[in-house]
Amino acid sequence: MRGLSTEYEILVRDLHAALVASDCVENVNVLHNVKIKGRSGATHQIDVYWEFKVGGVKYKTCIECKHYNRRVEKSDVASFITTLDDIGNATGIFATTAGYQSGAVLLAKERGVRLVTVNHLLKSVNITSNFVIPDTSIVDVKYDNDQARQRLIERNLTGFSFNCRWNLQTMFFDAEGNPRISLRQLVNQAMTDGANVLEPEELYDQTEIGLIRVTEIHYQQTTNYHQSNQEIIINDATRAIMEDVLENHILYLNDDGSISQVET
């Protein structure tokens, strides 16, 4: 967790260093992880810090960074304000990832603390697709002998020969002749490699002598597996986004260190 927090602090440092540079403020070093002694004698750790002098007056900026998965609370801002008061004559900026509770916003507005959200921008999305590819061969089909015999008697036939062209698109029917399920759907319910025998319940084949119940389907199946990967580039130029909560404006930190303002 510490590594993630440090990475976030450096991102905030880099963003504000770019902001300072874009404002044409010269000879200002935006620093990470600075120790500052307050008026009380206590030493404070500041995540991001810079200072400069104008007309003999030193201006200090302190940034508190919180990589949270929750909104910043009023107590978090209050603790930061206490640190700022002890350092003295310092501008405060609070940076986080997940936003602020209303109490934190009101307190920051009252005490002049700037609230921002800073987040990495998604560069790309990696999609991994796993495919299951069954190879199925129908070996044999058995019919209900008694029913087949009855169909022959009804038609005054002593024998009958017909050719069945079975494939995975072959459709089975219910006893009333309504389509019920395809052979592919039936086989895929099992998805078992090797030699297999299905014994379907009340499934019928539409033959030239009428519907005949199928009692067994013998098939051989081999399943192959394939994986493919695809990277979708979301953006290839922007590193982070910052939103000023109180001022309601947005800017981007680009990969080349430049800043882009967003009209809102």
Protein backbone atom coordinates (compact mmCIF):
# COMPACT_ATOMS: atom_id res chain seq x y z
CA MET A 1 0.00 0.00 0.00
CA ARG A 2 2.93 2.32 0.79
CA GLY A 3 4.30 1.80 -2.71
CA LEU A 4 0.96 2.79 -4.24
CA SER A 5 0.76 5.89 -2.04
CA THR A 6 4.29 6.93 -2.97
CA GLU A 7 3.54 6.45 -6.66
CA TYR A 8 0.48 8.65 -6.27
CA GLU A 9 2.45 11.37 -4.46
CA ILE A 10 4.99 11.42 -7.30
CA LEU A 11 2.18 11.74 -9.85
CA VAL A 12 0.77 14.73 -7.96
CA ARG A 13 4.30 16.20 -7.72
CA ASP A 14 4.87 15.83 -11.46
CA LEU A 15 1.51 17.38 -12.28
CA HIS A 16 2.10 20.43 -10.12
CA ALA A 17 5.67 20.78 -11.38
CA ALA A 18 4.20 20.99 -14.88
CA LEU A 19 1.66 23.56 -13.66
CA VAL A 20 4.36 25.71 -12.08
CA ALA A 21 6.41 25.52 -15.29
CA SER A 22 3.39 26.44 -17.42
CA ASP A 23 2.87 29.52 -15.22
CA CYS A 24 6.44 30.62 -16.13
CA VAL A 25 7.61 30.62 -12.51
CA GLU A 26 11.37 30.18 -12.75
CA ASN A 27 13.83 28.43 -10.44
CA VAL A 28 11.16 26.61 -8.46
CA ASN A 29 11.74 23.00 -7.45
CA VAL A 30 8.58 21.05 -6.71
CA LEU A 31 9.73 18.50 -4.14
CA HIS A 32 8.42 15.18 -2.89
CA ASN A 33 8.43 14.03 0.75
CA VAL A 34 9.78 17.10 2.52
CA LYS A 35 10.30 17.55 6.28
CA ILE A 36 9.39 21.03 7.58
CA LYS A 37 9.75 22.28 11.13
CA GLY A 38 6.71 24.16 12.39
CA ARG A 39 6.48 27.10 14.77
CA SER A 40 5.64 24.70 17.58
CA GLY A 41 8.92 22.86 17.08
CA ALA A 42 7.17 19.82 15.60
CA THR A 43 8.46 18.39 12.32
CA HIS A 44 5.86 17.80 9.61
CA GLN A 45 6.14 15.46 6.65
CA ILE A 46 4.77 17.14 3.51
CA ASP A 47 3.99 14.96 0.51
CA VAL A 48 4.61 17.67 -2.12
CA TYR A 49 6.16 21.07 -1.43
CA TRP A 50 7.54 24.09 -3.22
CA GLU A 51 8.43 27.65 -2.32
CA PHE A 52 9.57 30.84 -4.03
CA LYS A 53 10.23 34.47 -3.16
CA VAL A 54 8.64 37.55 -4.67
CA GLY A 55 9.56 40.99 -3.39
CA GLY A 56 11.39 39.43 -0.47
CA VAL A 57 8.32 37.48 0.61
CA LYS A 58 8.52 33.68 0.73
CA TYR A 59 5.49 31.82 -0.59
CA LYS A 60 5.09 28.18 0.43
CA THR A 61 2.74 25.55 -0.96
CA CYS A 62 2.05 22.25 0.80
CA ILE A 63 0.11 19.36 -0.74
CA GLU A 64 -1.41 16.50 1.19
CA CYS A 65 -1.92 13.39 -0.97
CA LYS A 66 -4.37 10.61 -0.13
CA HIS A 67 -4.77 7.60 -2.41
CA TYR A 68 -8.14 6.59 -0.96
CA ASN A 69 -10.95 4.30 -2.06
CA ARG A 70 -13.30 6.43 0.06
CA ARG A 71 -14.17 10.10 0.08
CA VAL A 72 -11.97 12.39 2.17
CA GLU A 73 -13.64 13.29 5.47
CA LYS A 74 -13.81 16.62 7.27
CA SER A 75 -11.36 15.33 9.91
CA ASP A 76 -8.73 14.66 7.21
CA VAL A 77 -8.93 18.27 6.02
CA ALA A 78 -8.95 19.58 9.61
CA SER A 79 -5.75 17.67 10.39
CA PHE A 80 -4.07 19.15 7.31
CA ILE A 81 -5.17 22.67 8.29
CA THR A 82 -3.57 22.18 11.72
CA THR A 83 -0.29 21.34 9.98
CA LEU A 84 -0.57 24.40 7.72
CA ASP A 85 -1.23 26.67 10.69
CA ASP A 86 1.89 25.37 12.45
CA ILE A 87 4.07 25.84 9.36
CA GLY A 88 2.68 29.34 8.83
CA ASN A 89 2.15 31.42 5.70
CA ALA A 90 1.55 28.30 3.59
CA THR A 91 -0.99 27.63 0.87
CA GLY A 92 -2.62 24.24 1.21
CA ILE A 93 -3.75 21.83 -1.51
CA PHE A 94 -5.42 18.51 -0.74
CA ALA A 95 -5.21 15.87 -3.49
CA THR A 96 -7.09 12.58 -3.51
CA THR A 97 -8.52 9.98 -5.85
CA ALA A 98 -12.12 9.45 -4.70
CA GLY A 99 -13.54 12.89 -3.91
CA TYR A 100 -14.65 14.66 -0.74
CA GLN A 101 -17.49 14.54 1.75
CA SER A 102 -19.59 17.70 2.01
CA GLY A 103 -18.18 18.61 5.43
CA ALA A 104 -14.65 18.46 4.06
CA VAL A 105 -15.61 20.74 1.17
CA LEU A 106 -17.23 23.33 3.45
CA LEU A 107 -14.26 23.43 5.82
CA ALA A 108 -11.74 23.70 2.98
CA LYS A 109 -13.70 26.53 1.38
CA GLU A 110 -13.86 28.39 4.70
CA ARG A 111 -10.11 28.02 5.36
CA GLY A 112 -8.88 28.57 1.81
CA VAL A 113 -7.60 25.05 1.17
CA ARG A 114 -7.73 24.00 -2.46
CA LEU A 115 -9.33 20.59 -3.09
CA VAL A 116 -8.41 18.57 -6.17
CA THR A 117 -8.87 15.04 -7.41
CA VAL A 118 -5.96 13.58 -9.35
CA ASN A 119 -6.17 10.24 -11.14
CA HIS A 120 -4.18 8.23 -13.62
CA LEU A 121 -5.86 7.95 -17.00
CA LEU A 122 -6.42 4.53 -18.49
CA LYS A 123 -3.94 3.96 -21.29
CA SER A 124 -5.23 0.72 -22.74
CA VAL A 125 -7.54 -2.21 -22.19
CA ASN A 126 -6.26 -5.76 -22.60
CA ILE A 127 -8.88 -8.30 -23.61
CA THR A 128 -8.15 -12.01 -23.24
CA SER A 129 -10.63 -14.30 -24.98
CA ASN A 130 -10.75 -18.02 -24.24
CA PHE A 131 -12.44 -20.17 -26.87
CA VAL A 132 -13.72 -23.71 -26.42
CA ILE A 133 -13.90 -25.43 -29.82
CA PRO A 134 -15.58 -28.85 -29.82
CA ASP A 135 -15.05 -31.19 -32.78
CA THR A 136 -17.97 -33.62 -32.86
CA SER A 137 -18.54 -36.63 -35.13
CA ILE A 138 -21.86 -38.51 -35.09
CA VAL A 139 -21.11 -42.25 -35.12
CA ASP A 140 -24.53 -43.92 -34.79
CA VAL A 141 -28.18 -43.22 -34.03
CA LYS A 142 -30.67 -45.69 -32.56
CA TYR A 143 -34.45 -45.45 -32.91
CA ASP A 144 -37.32 -46.85 -30.86
CA ASN A 145 -37.87 -50.27 -32.49
CA ASP A 146 -41.46 -50.66 -31.33
CA GLN A 147 -42.46 -47.26 -32.62
CA ALA A 148 -40.71 -47.81 -35.96
CA ARG A 149 -42.54 -51.14 -36.31
CA GLN A 150 -45.87 -49.40 -35.58
CA ARG A 151 -45.18 -46.79 -38.27
CA LEU A 152 -44.59 -49.57 -40.82
CA ILE A 153 -47.79 -51.39 -39.86
CA GLU A 154 -49.79 -48.16 -40.18
CA ARG A 155 -48.52 -47.80 -43.74
CA ASN A 156 -48.81 -51.50 -44.69
CA LEU A 157 -45.07 -51.72 -45.17
CA THR A 158 -42.93 -54.74 -44.41
CA GLY A 159 -39.71 -52.77 -44.58
CA PHE A 160 -38.35 -49.34 -45.34
CA SER A 161 -34.94 -47.83 -45.94
CA PHE A 162 -34.05 -44.16 -45.62
CA ASN A 163 -30.85 -42.17 -45.48
CA CYS A 164 -30.31 -39.75 -42.59
CA ARG A 165 -27.86 -36.93 -43.09
CA TRP A 166 -27.00 -36.06 -39.54
CA ASN A 167 -25.09 -32.93 -38.66
CA LEU A 168 -24.95 -30.54 -35.72
CA GLN A 169 -27.76 -28.45 -37.21
CA THR A 170 -30.14 -31.45 -37.22
CA MET A 171 -33.28 -30.52 -35.29
CA PHE A 172 -35.19 -32.78 -32.90
CA PHE A 173 -38.92 -32.47 -32.28
CA ASP A 174 -41.41 -33.20 -29.54
CA ALA A 175 -44.20 -35.78 -29.93
CA GLU A 176 -46.43 -33.17 -31.62
CA GLY A 177 -43.82 -32.27 -34.22
CA ASN A 178 -42.73 -28.96 -32.69
CA PRO A 179 -39.01 -28.11 -32.94
CA ARG A 180 -37.37 -28.63 -29.54
CA ILE A 181 -33.56 -28.74 -29.65
CA SER A 182 -30.73 -29.05 -32.17
CA LEU A 183 -28.10 -31.77 -32.07
CA ARG A 184 -25.45 -29.12 -31.37
CA GLN A 185 -27.34 -27.85 -28.33
CA LEU A 186 -27.87 -31.38 -27.09
CA VAL A 187 -24.21 -32.37 -27.41
CA ASN A 188 -22.98 -29.09 -25.90
CA GLN A 189 -24.93 -29.79 -22.72
CA ALA A 190 -22.48 -32.60 -21.99
CA MET A 191 -19.20 -31.30 -23.52
CA THR A 192 -17.41 -34.56 -22.71
CA ASP A 193 -14.43 -35.66 -24.76
CA GLY A 194 -14.09 -39.20 -26.09
CA ALA A 195 -16.73 -41.73 -27.12
CA ASN A 196 -20.14 -40.77 -25.74
CA VAL A 197 -23.70 -42.04 -25.79
CA LEU A 198 -26.68 -39.76 -25.28
CA GLU A 199 -30.04 -41.21 -24.31
CA PRO A 200 -32.45 -38.32 -24.90
CA GLU A 201 -35.90 -38.24 -23.35
CA GLU A 202 -38.84 -37.79 -25.70
CA LEU A 203 -36.94 -36.45 -28.67
CA TYR A 204 -38.10 -37.37 -32.15
CA ASP A 205 -36.58 -37.41 -35.62
CA GLN A 206 -38.73 -36.37 -38.57
CA THR A 207 -38.45 -39.27 -41.04
CA GLU A 208 -40.23 -40.14 -44.26
CA ILE A 209 -42.57 -42.45 -42.33
CA GLY A 210 -43.28 -39.90 -39.60
CA LEU A 211 -41.88 -38.99 -36.22
CA ILE A 212 -39.78 -41.73 -34.61
CA ARG A 213 -38.34 -41.44 -31.12
CA VAL A 214 -34.54 -41.37 -30.88
CA THR A 215 -33.26 -43.64 -28.10
CA GLU A 216 -29.47 -43.30 -28.46
CA ILE A 217 -26.99 -40.97 -30.13
CA HIS A 218 -23.40 -42.20 -30.35
CA TYR A 219 -20.76 -39.57 -31.01
CA GLN A 220 -17.05 -38.89 -30.70
CA GLN A 221 -15.88 -35.52 -29.40
CA THR A 222 -12.54 -33.79 -29.14
CA THR A 223 -12.36 -30.35 -27.54
CA ASN A 224 -9.72 -27.83 -28.55
CA TYR A 225 -8.89 -24.66 -26.65
CA HIS A 226 -7.66 -21.37 -28.05
CA GLN A 227 -6.73 -18.09 -26.41
CA SER A 228 -6.38 -14.71 -28.10
CA ASN A 229 -5.24 -11.38 -26.72
CA GLN A 230 -6.12 -7.90 -27.93
CA GLU A 231 -4.94 -4.53 -26.68
CA ILE A 232 -7.22 -1.56 -27.26
CA ILE A 233 -5.44 1.79 -26.92
CA ILE A 234 -7.61 4.27 -25.03
CA ASN A 235 -5.16 7.16 -25.15
CA ASP A 236 -1.49 7.38 -26.02
CA ALA A 237 -0.69 10.91 -24.94
CA THR A 238 -2.28 11.72 -21.56
CA ARG A 239 -0.97 10.59 -18.19
CA ALA A 240 -3.39 12.01 -15.62
CA ILE A 241 -6.44 14.19 -15.03
CA MET A 242 -6.93 16.78 -12.28
CA GLU A 243 -10.23 18.35 -11.28
CA ASP A 244 -10.46 21.35 -8.99
CA VAL A 245 -13.46 20.65 -6.76
CA LEU A 246 -14.10 24.24 -5.63
CA GLU A 247 -13.20 26.06 -8.86
CA ASN A 248 -14.82 23.39 -11.07
CA HIS A 249 -12.19 23.19 -13.78
CA ILE A 250 -10.28 20.27 -15.26
CA LEU A 251 -6.85 19.84 -16.77
CA TYR A 252 -4.74 17.01 -18.17
CA LEU A 253 -1.10 16.15 -17.58
CA ASN A 254 0.27 14.91 -20.89
CA ASP A 255 3.02 12.34 -21.29
CA ASP A 256 5.41 15.02 -22.54
CA GLY A 257 4.97 17.01 -19.30
CA SER A 258 2.72 19.67 -20.79
CA ILE A 259 -0.64 20.75 -19.39
CA SER A 260 -3.91 20.87 -21.32
CA GLN A 261 -6.86 22.84 -20.00
CA VAL A 262 -10.37 21.48 -20.47
CA GLU A 263 -13.24 23.86 -21.08
CA THR A 264 -16.20 23.16 -18.74
